[in-house]
Amino acid sequence: MVADDPDNKIDLKVFHNEIINDHLGVKAEETAYKELPVVRQIDSDMIMANYLSIKKDIELIIIKELKSKELSE
């Protein structure tokens, strides 16, 4: 497999394609970008608490489903 860059094209390829970028348009769009506002501050303790809460919820669901299955048998 071979690849070329825009400045050094390879003529002997099975597949020929060219991507044309509007560099000035892309630059103008990028300069209009705005920073996303901070909705709230999150720290690693909050992430861990959320993870443990989800993990506990899943354990409870599994236990409930297993008990339900035992009762139906």
N, C-alpha and C. Protein backbone atom coordinates (compact mmCIF):
# COMPACT_ATOMS: atom_id res chain seq x y z
N MET A 1 0.86 -1.17 0.00
CA MET A 1 0.00 0.00 0.00
C MET A 1 0.90 1.23 0.00
N VAL A 2 0.55 2.18 -0.81
CA VAL A 2 1.31 3.43 -0.85
C VAL A 2 0.36 4.60 -0.67
N ALA A 3 0.89 5.67 -0.20
CA ALA A 3 0.11 6.89 -0.04
C ALA A 3 0.96 8.06 -0.48
N ASP A 4 0.32 9.10 -0.90
CA ASP A 4 1.08 10.27 -1.29
C ASP A 4 0.58 11.48 -0.51
N ASP A 5 1.35 12.52 -0.55
CA ASP A 5 0.91 13.77 0.05
C ASP A 5 0.63 14.77 -1.08
N PRO A 6 -0.04 15.86 -0.79
CA PRO A 6 -0.42 16.80 -1.87
C PRO A 6 0.77 17.34 -2.66
N ASP A 7 1.94 17.41 -2.06
CA ASP A 7 3.10 17.96 -2.75
C ASP A 7 3.88 16.91 -3.55
N ASN A 8 3.63 15.63 -3.28
CA ASN A 8 4.40 14.57 -3.92
C ASN A 8 3.45 13.45 -4.34
N LYS A 9 2.81 13.62 -5.48
CA LYS A 9 1.81 12.66 -5.94
C LYS A 9 2.47 11.43 -6.56
N ILE A 10 1.83 10.29 -6.39
CA ILE A 10 2.29 9.04 -6.96
C ILE A 10 1.37 8.73 -8.14
N ASP A 11 1.95 8.62 -9.32
CA ASP A 11 1.15 8.42 -10.53
C ASP A 11 0.65 6.98 -10.69
N LEU A 12 1.42 6.00 -10.29
CA LEU A 12 1.08 4.61 -10.53
C LEU A 12 0.32 4.01 -9.35
N LYS A 13 -0.93 4.41 -9.21
CA LYS A 13 -1.79 3.89 -8.15
C LYS A 13 -3.02 3.29 -8.80
N VAL A 14 -3.60 2.30 -8.15
CA VAL A 14 -4.82 1.69 -8.67
C VAL A 14 -6.01 2.63 -8.44
N PHE A 15 -6.03 3.30 -7.34
CA PHE A 15 -7.14 4.18 -6.96
C PHE A 15 -6.65 5.62 -6.95
N HIS A 16 -7.34 6.49 -7.66
CA HIS A 16 -6.95 7.90 -7.71
C HIS A 16 -8.07 8.74 -7.12
N ASN A 17 -7.72 9.57 -6.20
CA ASN A 17 -8.67 10.47 -5.57
C ASN A 17 -7.91 11.67 -5.05
N GLU A 18 -8.57 12.77 -4.95
CA GLU A 18 -7.93 13.97 -4.44
C GLU A 18 -8.92 14.71 -3.57
N ILE A 19 -8.49 15.07 -2.40
CA ILE A 19 -9.32 15.86 -1.48
C ILE A 19 -8.89 17.32 -1.60
N ILE A 20 -9.84 18.16 -1.87
CA ILE A 20 -9.54 19.58 -2.01
C ILE A 20 -10.14 20.30 -0.80
N ASN A 21 -9.28 20.89 -0.01
CA ASN A 21 -9.72 21.61 1.19
C ASN A 21 -9.71 23.11 0.93
N ASP A 22 -10.71 23.78 1.47
CA ASP A 22 -10.76 25.24 1.44
C ASP A 22 -10.07 25.73 2.71
N HIS A 23 -8.74 25.87 2.64
CA HIS A 23 -7.96 26.20 3.84
C HIS A 23 -8.36 27.55 4.42
N LEU A 24 -8.65 28.51 3.59
CA LEU A 24 -9.07 29.83 4.10
C LEU A 24 -10.43 29.74 4.79
N GLY A 25 -11.35 28.96 4.19
CA GLY A 25 -12.67 28.79 4.80
C GLY A 25 -12.58 28.06 6.13
N VAL A 26 -11.74 27.03 6.19
CA VAL A 26 -11.56 26.27 7.43
C VAL A 26 -10.97 27.18 8.50
N LYS A 27 -9.97 27.98 8.14
CA LYS A 27 -9.34 28.90 9.09
C LYS A 27 -10.36 29.92 9.60
N ALA A 28 -11.19 30.46 8.72
CA ALA A 28 -12.21 31.43 9.13
C ALA A 28 -13.20 30.79 10.09
N GLU A 29 -13.57 29.53 9.80
CA GLU A 29 -14.50 28.83 10.68
C GLU A 29 -13.86 28.58 12.04
N GLU A 30 -12.59 28.20 12.06
CA GLU A 30 -11.91 27.92 13.33
C GLU A 30 -11.77 29.17 14.18
N THR A 31 -11.54 30.32 13.56
CA THR A 31 -11.41 31.55 14.34
C THR A 31 -12.75 31.97 14.96
N ALA A 32 -13.85 31.50 14.39
CA ALA A 32 -15.17 31.84 14.94
C ALA A 32 -15.58 30.91 16.08
N TYR A 33 -14.77 29.86 16.34
CA TYR A 33 -15.10 28.94 17.44
C TYR A 33 -15.10 29.68 18.76
N LYS A 34 -15.99 29.26 19.66
CA LYS A 34 -16.04 29.82 21.00
C LYS A 34 -15.81 28.71 22.00
N GLU A 35 -15.23 29.04 23.13
CA GLU A 35 -15.01 28.06 24.20
C GLU A 35 -16.35 27.59 24.74
N LEU A 36 -16.44 26.31 25.04
CA LEU A 36 -17.65 25.79 25.68
C LEU A 36 -17.70 26.29 27.12
N PRO A 37 -18.87 26.72 27.56
CA PRO A 37 -18.97 27.19 28.94
C PRO A 37 -18.87 26.01 29.92
N VAL A 38 -18.33 26.29 31.09
CA VAL A 38 -18.23 25.27 32.13
C VAL A 38 -19.58 25.18 32.81
N VAL A 39 -20.20 24.01 32.76
CA VAL A 39 -21.51 23.81 33.36
C VAL A 39 -21.35 23.55 34.85
N ARG A 40 -20.40 22.69 35.17
CA ARG A 40 -20.08 22.43 36.58
C ARG A 40 -18.69 21.83 36.66
N GLN A 41 -18.09 21.93 37.82
CA GLN A 41 -16.77 21.37 38.04
C GLN A 41 -16.91 19.92 38.51
N ILE A 42 -16.15 19.05 37.92
CA ILE A 42 -16.20 17.63 38.29
C ILE A 42 -14.79 17.21 38.68
N ASP A 43 -14.69 16.51 39.81
CA ASP A 43 -13.38 16.00 40.22
C ASP A 43 -13.40 14.48 40.23
N SER A 44 -12.26 13.88 40.47
CA SER A 44 -12.13 12.43 40.40
C SER A 44 -12.97 11.73 41.47
N ASP A 45 -13.18 12.36 42.62
CA ASP A 45 -14.02 11.76 43.67
C ASP A 45 -15.47 11.63 43.20
N MET A 46 -15.97 12.64 42.48
CA MET A 46 -17.33 12.59 41.97
C MET A 46 -17.47 11.48 40.92
N ILE A 47 -16.47 11.34 40.09
CA ILE A 47 -16.50 10.30 39.06
C ILE A 47 -16.49 8.92 39.71
N MET A 48 -15.66 8.72 40.72
CA MET A 48 -15.58 7.43 41.41
C MET A 48 -16.89 7.13 42.13
N ALA A 49 -17.49 8.12 42.77
CA ALA A 49 -18.76 7.92 43.45
C ALA A 49 -19.85 7.52 42.46
N ASN A 50 -19.88 8.16 41.32
CA ASN A 50 -20.85 7.82 40.28
C ASN A 50 -20.61 6.40 39.76
N TYR A 51 -19.37 6.04 39.54
CA TYR A 51 -19.02 4.69 39.08
C TYR A 51 -19.48 3.65 40.09
N LEU A 52 -19.19 3.87 41.36
CA LEU A 52 -19.58 2.90 42.39
C LEU A 52 -21.10 2.81 42.52
N SER A 53 -21.79 3.91 42.35
CA SER A 53 -23.25 3.91 42.41
C SER A 53 -23.83 3.08 41.26
N ILE A 54 -23.30 3.27 40.08
CA ILE A 54 -23.78 2.50 38.92
C ILE A 54 -23.47 1.02 39.11
N LYS A 55 -22.28 0.73 39.61
CA LYS A 55 -21.88 -0.66 39.85
C LYS A 55 -22.83 -1.32 40.85
N LYS A 56 -23.17 -0.60 41.92
CA LYS A 56 -24.09 -1.13 42.93
C LYS A 56 -25.48 -1.34 42.33
N ASP A 57 -25.96 -0.39 41.52
CA ASP A 57 -27.25 -0.54 40.86
C ASP A 57 -27.29 -1.80 39.98
N ILE A 58 -26.22 -2.05 39.26
CA ILE A 58 -26.16 -3.24 38.41
C ILE A 58 -26.18 -4.51 39.24
N GLU A 59 -25.45 -4.51 40.33
CA GLU A 59 -25.46 -5.68 41.23
C GLU A 59 -26.88 -5.95 41.74
N LEU A 60 -27.60 -4.89 42.13
CA LEU A 60 -28.96 -5.05 42.63
C LEU A 60 -29.89 -5.58 41.54
N ILE A 61 -29.73 -5.10 40.33
CA ILE A 61 -30.55 -5.59 39.21
C ILE A 61 -30.29 -7.08 38.98
N ILE A 62 -29.03 -7.48 39.00
CA ILE A 62 -28.69 -8.89 38.78
C ILE A 62 -29.27 -9.76 39.88
N ILE A 63 -29.13 -9.33 41.12
CA ILE A 63 -29.68 -10.10 42.25
C ILE A 63 -31.19 -10.22 42.11
N LYS A 64 -31.85 -9.12 41.78
CA LYS A 64 -33.31 -9.13 41.62
C LYS A 64 -33.72 -10.08 40.50
N GLU A 65 -33.04 -10.04 39.37
CA GLU A 65 -33.37 -10.91 38.25
C GLU A 65 -33.13 -12.38 38.58
N LEU A 66 -32.06 -12.66 39.28
CA LEU A 66 -31.76 -14.05 39.66
C LEU A 66 -32.83 -14.59 40.62
N LYS A 67 -33.24 -13.76 41.57
CA LYS A 67 -34.30 -14.18 42.51
C LYS A 67 -35.60 -14.39 41.76
N SER A 68 -35.90 -13.50 40.82
CA SER A 68 -37.11 -13.62 40.02
C SER A 68 -37.11 -14.90 39.22
N LYS A 69 -35.97 -15.25 38.67
CA LYS A 69 -35.85 -16.46 37.87
C LYS A 69 -36.01 -17.70 38.77
N GLU A 70 -35.44 -17.66 39.98
CA GLU A 70 -35.56 -18.79 40.91
C GLU A 70 -37.02 -19.02 41.29
N LEU A 71 -37.76 -17.93 41.50
CA LEU A 71 -39.16 -18.06 41.91
C LEU A 71 -40.03 -18.60 40.79
N SER A 72 -39.66 -18.31 39.55
CA SER A 72 -40.47 -18.77 38.42
C SER A 72 -40.20 -20.21 38.05
N GLU A 73 -39.14 -20.79 38.56
CA GLU A 73 -38.79 -22.19 38.23
C GLU A 73 -39.49 -23.17 39.10
